[in-house]
Amino acid sequence: NEGIVGSNQQERREVGFRQYMLEHHPACRIWELNLHAKRDSEDAQMLDDFFRTHPTVKNGITFNSKAYVIGEYLQRHQKTDFNLMGYDLLKRNVDCLKAGSIFFLIAQQPTLQGFDGIKTLCDYLILKKEIARENFMPIDLLTKENIEYYYNK
């Protein structure tokens, strides 16, 4: 049997987030929207409907790199009372972060992850070291105030 082995990071992020919220903020109500990211009119309609139905919701998170879908919607609708958090430093996400429609971006340091992955592989294959099954990596929380510093590291 052949197959592709991979991790579904988005799903794992969401599961971890929901577990954390259940343990630490059990009264918090979570709504889920499944945006398409390539069907602007459908996404806009879903967001219109959501914000009309839930006018008191002021915080949101995406578990993938498509936070800009919501960020650009917020800009088009001049909605400034919503705090959005997302992942990855795509140009469109960074543009939204600088404009203020994304409040935080989580950067996962892909260069460091790649370096540590290759180092661990070499340690295992060449040096015959026992390696840890899980390797935790640092993340950076980026805001419009610190994004320029991050790029200048």
C-alpha atoms as a PDB file:
ATOM      1  CA  ASN A   1       0.000   0.000   0.000  1.00  0.00           C
ATOM      2  CA  GLU A   2       1.221   3.432  -0.893  1.00  0.00           C
ATOM      3  CA  GLY A   3       0.075   6.600   0.716  1.00  0.00           C
ATOM      4  CA  ILE A   4       1.056  10.016   1.838  1.00  0.00           C
ATOM      5  CA  VAL A   5       1.862  10.537   5.461  1.00  0.00           C
ATOM      6  CA  GLY A   6       1.442  14.043   6.727  1.00  0.00           C
ATOM      7  CA  SER A   7       0.233  15.997   9.685  1.00  0.00           C
ATOM      8  CA  ASN A   8      -2.853  18.095   9.547  1.00  0.00           C
ATOM      9  CA  GLN A   9      -1.516  21.086  11.420  1.00  0.00           C
ATOM     10  CA  GLN A  10      -4.702  23.068  11.050  1.00  0.00           C
ATOM     11  CA  GLU A  11      -6.758  20.332  12.698  1.00  0.00           C
ATOM     12  CA  ARG A  12      -4.228  19.862  15.500  1.00  0.00           C
ATOM     13  CA  ARG A  13      -4.155  23.608  16.161  1.00  0.00           C
ATOM     14  CA  GLU A  14      -7.925  23.726  16.378  1.00  0.00           C
ATOM     15  CA  VAL A  15      -8.136  20.683  18.661  1.00  0.00           C
ATOM     16  CA  GLY A  16      -5.517  22.190  20.983  1.00  0.00           C
ATOM     17  CA  PHE A  17      -7.271  25.554  20.990  1.00  0.00           C
ATOM     18  CA  ARG A  18     -10.662  24.025  21.766  1.00  0.00           C
ATOM     19  CA  GLN A  19      -9.185  21.878  24.536  1.00  0.00           C
ATOM     20  CA  TYR A  20      -7.475  24.887  26.088  1.00  0.00           C
ATOM     21  CA  MET A  21     -10.640  26.977  25.909  1.00  0.00           C
ATOM     22  CA  LEU A  22     -12.719  24.169  27.427  1.00  0.00           C
ATOM     23  CA  GLU A  23     -10.295  23.780  30.333  1.00  0.00           C
ATOM     24  CA  HIS A  24      -9.636  27.472  31.018  1.00  0.00           C
ATOM     25  CA  HIS A  25     -12.690  29.316  29.655  1.00  0.00           C
ATOM     26  CA  PRO A  26     -15.557  26.801  29.618  1.00  0.00           C
ATOM     27  CA  ALA A  27     -18.236  29.501  29.360  1.00  0.00           C
ATOM     28  CA  CYS A  28     -16.774  30.877  26.123  1.00  0.00           C
ATOM     29  CA  ARG A  29     -18.974  30.127  23.128  1.00  0.00           C
ATOM     30  CA  ILE A  30     -17.182  29.245  19.899  1.00  0.00           C
ATOM     31  CA  TRP A  31     -18.736  29.600  16.447  1.00  0.00           C
ATOM     32  CA  GLU A  32     -17.204  28.028  13.381  1.00  0.00           C
ATOM     33  CA  LEU A  33     -17.143  29.385   9.828  1.00  0.00           C
ATOM     34  CA  ASN A  34     -15.763  27.393   6.918  1.00  0.00           C
ATOM     35  CA  LEU A  35     -14.587  29.980   4.433  1.00  0.00           C
ATOM     36  CA  HIS A  36     -13.391  28.971   0.973  1.00  0.00           C
ATOM     37  CA  ALA A  37     -10.630  31.563   0.395  1.00  0.00           C
ATOM     38  CA  LYS A  38     -11.193  31.401  -3.360  1.00  0.00           C
ATOM     39  CA  ARG A  39     -14.858  32.317  -3.545  1.00  0.00           C
ATOM     40  CA  ASP A  40     -14.859  35.925  -2.425  1.00  0.00           C
ATOM     41  CA  SER A  41     -18.572  36.527  -2.869  1.00  0.00           C
ATOM     42  CA  GLU A  42     -19.552  33.405  -0.899  1.00  0.00           C
ATOM     43  CA  ASP A  43     -17.068  34.217   1.860  1.00  0.00           C
ATOM     44  CA  ALA A  44     -18.274  37.821   2.024  1.00  0.00           C
ATOM     45  CA  GLN A  45     -21.885  36.642   2.267  1.00  0.00           C
ATOM     46  CA  MET A  46     -21.005  34.189   5.052  1.00  0.00           C
ATOM     47  CA  LEU A  47     -19.182  36.924   6.948  1.00  0.00           C
ATOM     48  CA  ASP A  48     -22.036  39.407   6.379  1.00  0.00           C
ATOM     49  CA  ASP A  49     -24.494  36.843   7.752  1.00  0.00           C
ATOM     50  CA  PHE A  50     -22.227  35.943  10.679  1.00  0.00           C
ATOM     51  CA  PHE A  51     -21.618  39.505  11.845  1.00  0.00           C
ATOM     52  CA  ARG A  52     -25.300  40.381  11.403  1.00  0.00           C
ATOM     53  CA  THR A  53     -26.345  37.337  13.471  1.00  0.00           C
ATOM     54  CA  HIS A  54     -23.582  37.712  16.091  1.00  0.00           C
ATOM     55  CA  PRO A  55     -22.939  41.450  16.509  1.00  0.00           C
ATOM     56  CA  THR A  56     -21.304  41.039  19.936  1.00  0.00           C
ATOM     57  CA  VAL A  57     -18.542  38.678  18.756  1.00  0.00           C
ATOM     58  CA  LYS A  58     -15.306  40.678  18.842  1.00  0.00           C
ATOM     59  CA  ASN A  59     -12.578  38.024  18.542  1.00  0.00           C
ATOM     60  CA  GLY A  60     -11.664  35.451  15.924  1.00  0.00           C
ATOM     61  CA  ILE A  61      -8.918  33.040  14.997  1.00  0.00           C
ATOM     62  CA  THR A  62      -7.969  31.185  11.852  1.00  0.00           C
ATOM     63  CA  PHE A  63      -5.964  27.981  12.096  1.00  0.00           C
ATOM     64  CA  ASN A  64      -4.457  28.242   8.629  1.00  0.00           C
ATOM     65  CA  SER A  65      -2.626  30.874   6.607  1.00  0.00           C
ATOM     66  CA  LYS A  66      -5.796  32.442   5.161  1.00  0.00           C
ATOM     67  CA  ALA A  67      -6.450  35.059   7.858  1.00  0.00           C
ATOM     68  CA  TYR A  68      -6.289  37.676   5.111  1.00  0.00           C
ATOM     69  CA  VAL A  69      -9.700  36.523   3.847  1.00  0.00           C
ATOM     70  CA  ILE A  70     -11.284  37.900   7.012  1.00  0.00           C
ATOM     71  CA  GLY A  71      -8.751  40.720   7.383  1.00  0.00           C
ATOM     72  CA  GLU A  72      -9.461  42.095   3.915  1.00  0.00           C
ATOM     73  CA  TYR A  73     -13.220  41.742   4.522  1.00  0.00           C
ATOM     74  CA  LEU A  74     -12.843  43.756   7.758  1.00  0.00           C
ATOM     75  CA  GLN A  75     -10.973  46.465   5.834  1.00  0.00           C
ATOM     76  CA  ARG A  76     -13.551  46.637   3.042  1.00  0.00           C
ATOM     77  CA  HIS A  77     -16.325  46.985   5.624  1.00  0.00           C
ATOM     78  CA  GLN A  78     -14.340  49.383   7.840  1.00  0.00           C
ATOM     79  CA  LYS A  79     -14.953  47.056  10.770  1.00  0.00           C
ATOM     80  CA  THR A  80     -12.396  48.020  13.398  1.00  0.00           C
ATOM     81  CA  ASP A  81     -13.921  46.427  16.514  1.00  0.00           C
ATOM     82  CA  PHE A  82     -12.870  42.838  15.757  1.00  0.00           C
ATOM     83  CA  ASN A  83      -9.615  41.225  16.931  1.00  0.00           C
ATOM     84  CA  LEU A  84      -8.390  38.600  14.469  1.00  0.00           C
ATOM     85  CA  MET A  85      -5.503  36.229  14.993  1.00  0.00           C
ATOM     86  CA  GLY A  86      -3.985  34.072  12.264  1.00  0.00           C
ATOM     87  CA  TYR A  87      -0.952  32.092  11.163  1.00  0.00           C
ATOM     88  CA  ASP A  88       1.899  32.606   8.748  1.00  0.00           C
ATOM     89  CA  LEU A  89       3.622  35.572   7.211  1.00  0.00           C
ATOM     90  CA  LEU A  90       2.015  35.575   3.791  1.00  0.00           C
ATOM     91  CA  LYS A  91       2.215  39.014   2.204  1.00  0.00           C
ATOM     92  CA  ARG A  92      -1.565  39.476   2.342  1.00  0.00           C
ATOM     93  CA  ASN A  93      -1.595  38.521   6.046  1.00  0.00           C
ATOM     94  CA  VAL A  94       1.252  40.941   6.801  1.00  0.00           C
ATOM     95  CA  ASP A  95      -0.525  43.699   4.861  1.00  0.00           C
ATOM     96  CA  CYS A  96      -3.626  43.143   6.999  1.00  0.00           C
ATOM     97  CA  LEU A  97      -1.505  43.093  10.160  1.00  0.00           C
ATOM     98  CA  LYS A  98       0.075  46.443   9.240  1.00  0.00           C
ATOM     99  CA  ALA A  99      -3.351  47.875   8.394  1.00  0.00           C
ATOM    100  CA  GLY A 100      -4.753  46.712  11.743  1.00  0.00           C
ATOM    101  CA  SER A 101      -7.372  44.269  10.470  1.00  0.00           C
ATOM    102  CA  ILE A 102      -5.342  41.356  11.852  1.00  0.00           C
ATOM    103  CA  PHE A 103      -4.412  41.836  15.500  1.00  0.00           C
ATOM    104  CA  PHE A 104      -1.797  39.044  15.838  1.00  0.00           C
ATOM    105  CA  LEU A 105       0.006  36.718  13.459  1.00  0.00           C
ATOM    106  CA  ILE A 106       1.706  33.600  14.733  1.00  0.00           C
ATOM    107  CA  ALA A 107       5.028  33.040  12.978  1.00  0.00           C
ATOM    108  CA  GLN A 108       6.379  29.534  13.177  1.00  0.00           C
ATOM    109  CA  GLN A 109       9.987  30.164  12.167  1.00  0.00           C
ATOM    110  CA  PRO A 110      10.064  27.765   9.186  1.00  0.00           C
ATOM    111  CA  THR A 111      13.814  28.240   8.659  1.00  0.00           C
ATOM    112  CA  LEU A 112      14.533  27.164  12.234  1.00  0.00           C
ATOM    113  CA  GLN A 113      12.097  24.250  11.889  1.00  0.00           C
ATOM    114  CA  GLY A 114      13.847  23.105   8.718  1.00  0.00           C
ATOM    115  CA  PHE A 115      17.292  23.431  10.294  1.00  0.00           C
ATOM    116  CA  ASP A 116      16.228  21.492  13.407  1.00  0.00           C
ATOM    117  CA  GLY A 117      14.592  18.813  11.238  1.00  0.00           C
ATOM    118  CA  ILE A 118      17.770  18.267   9.206  1.00  0.00           C
ATOM    119  CA  LYS A 119      19.921  18.341  12.355  1.00  0.00           C
ATOM    120  CA  THR A 120      17.698  15.752  14.036  1.00  0.00           C
ATOM    121  CA  LEU A 121      17.797  13.555  10.929  1.00  0.00           C
ATOM    122  CA  CYS A 122      21.614  13.745  10.853  1.00  0.00           C
ATOM    123  CA  ASP A 123      21.819  13.028  14.585  1.00  0.00           C
ATOM    124  CA  TYR A 124      19.706   9.912  14.067  1.00  0.00           C
ATOM    125  CA  LEU A 125      21.175   8.588  10.806  1.00  0.00           C
ATOM    126  CA  ILE A 126      24.824   9.569  11.135  1.00  0.00           C
ATOM    127  CA  LEU A 127      25.497   9.897  14.857  1.00  0.00           C
ATOM    128  CA  LYS A 128      23.026   7.138  15.820  1.00  0.00           C
ATOM    129  CA  LYS A 129      21.623   9.321  18.598  1.00  0.00           C
ATOM    130  CA  GLU A 130      18.275   8.560  20.133  1.00  0.00           C
ATOM    131  CA  ILE A 131      15.896  11.362  19.236  1.00  0.00           C
ATOM    132  CA  ALA A 132      12.860  12.716  21.002  1.00  0.00           C
ATOM    133  CA  ARG A 133       9.515  11.754  19.513  1.00  0.00           C
ATOM    134  CA  GLU A 134       8.212  15.298  19.997  1.00  0.00           C
ATOM    135  CA  ASN A 135      10.255  18.409  19.458  1.00  0.00           C
ATOM    136  CA  PHE A 136       8.649  21.621  20.554  1.00  0.00           C
ATOM    137  CA  MET A 137       9.514  24.756  18.624  1.00  0.00           C
ATOM    138  CA  PRO A 138       9.219  28.422  19.559  1.00  0.00           C
ATOM    139  CA  ILE A 139       6.660  30.652  17.928  1.00  0.00           C
ATOM    140  CA  ASP A 140       6.541  34.404  17.609  1.00  0.00           C
ATOM    141  CA  LEU A 141       3.476  36.567  18.154  1.00  0.00           C
ATOM    142  CA  LEU A 142       3.654  39.441  15.718  1.00  0.00           C
ATOM    143  CA  THR A 143       1.760  42.710  15.844  1.00  0.00           C
ATOM    144  CA  LYS A 144       1.831  45.784  13.661  1.00  0.00           C
ATOM    145  CA  GLU A 145       4.199  47.290  16.241  1.00  0.00           C
ATOM    146  CA  ASN A 146       6.858  44.565  15.983  1.00  0.00           C
ATOM    147  CA  ILE A 147       6.533  43.184  12.435  1.00  0.00           C
ATOM    148  CA  GLU A 148       9.275  45.399  11.001  1.00  0.00           C
ATOM    149  CA  TYR A 149      11.699  44.292  13.726  1.00  0.00           C
ATOM    150  CA  TYR A 150      10.929  40.669  12.937  1.00  0.00           C
ATOM    151  CA  TYR A 151      11.853  41.115   9.288  1.00  0.00           C
ATOM    152  CA  ASN A 152      15.099  42.857  10.250  1.00  0.00           C
ATOM    153  CA  LYS A 153      16.400  40.037  12.485  1.00  0.00           C
END
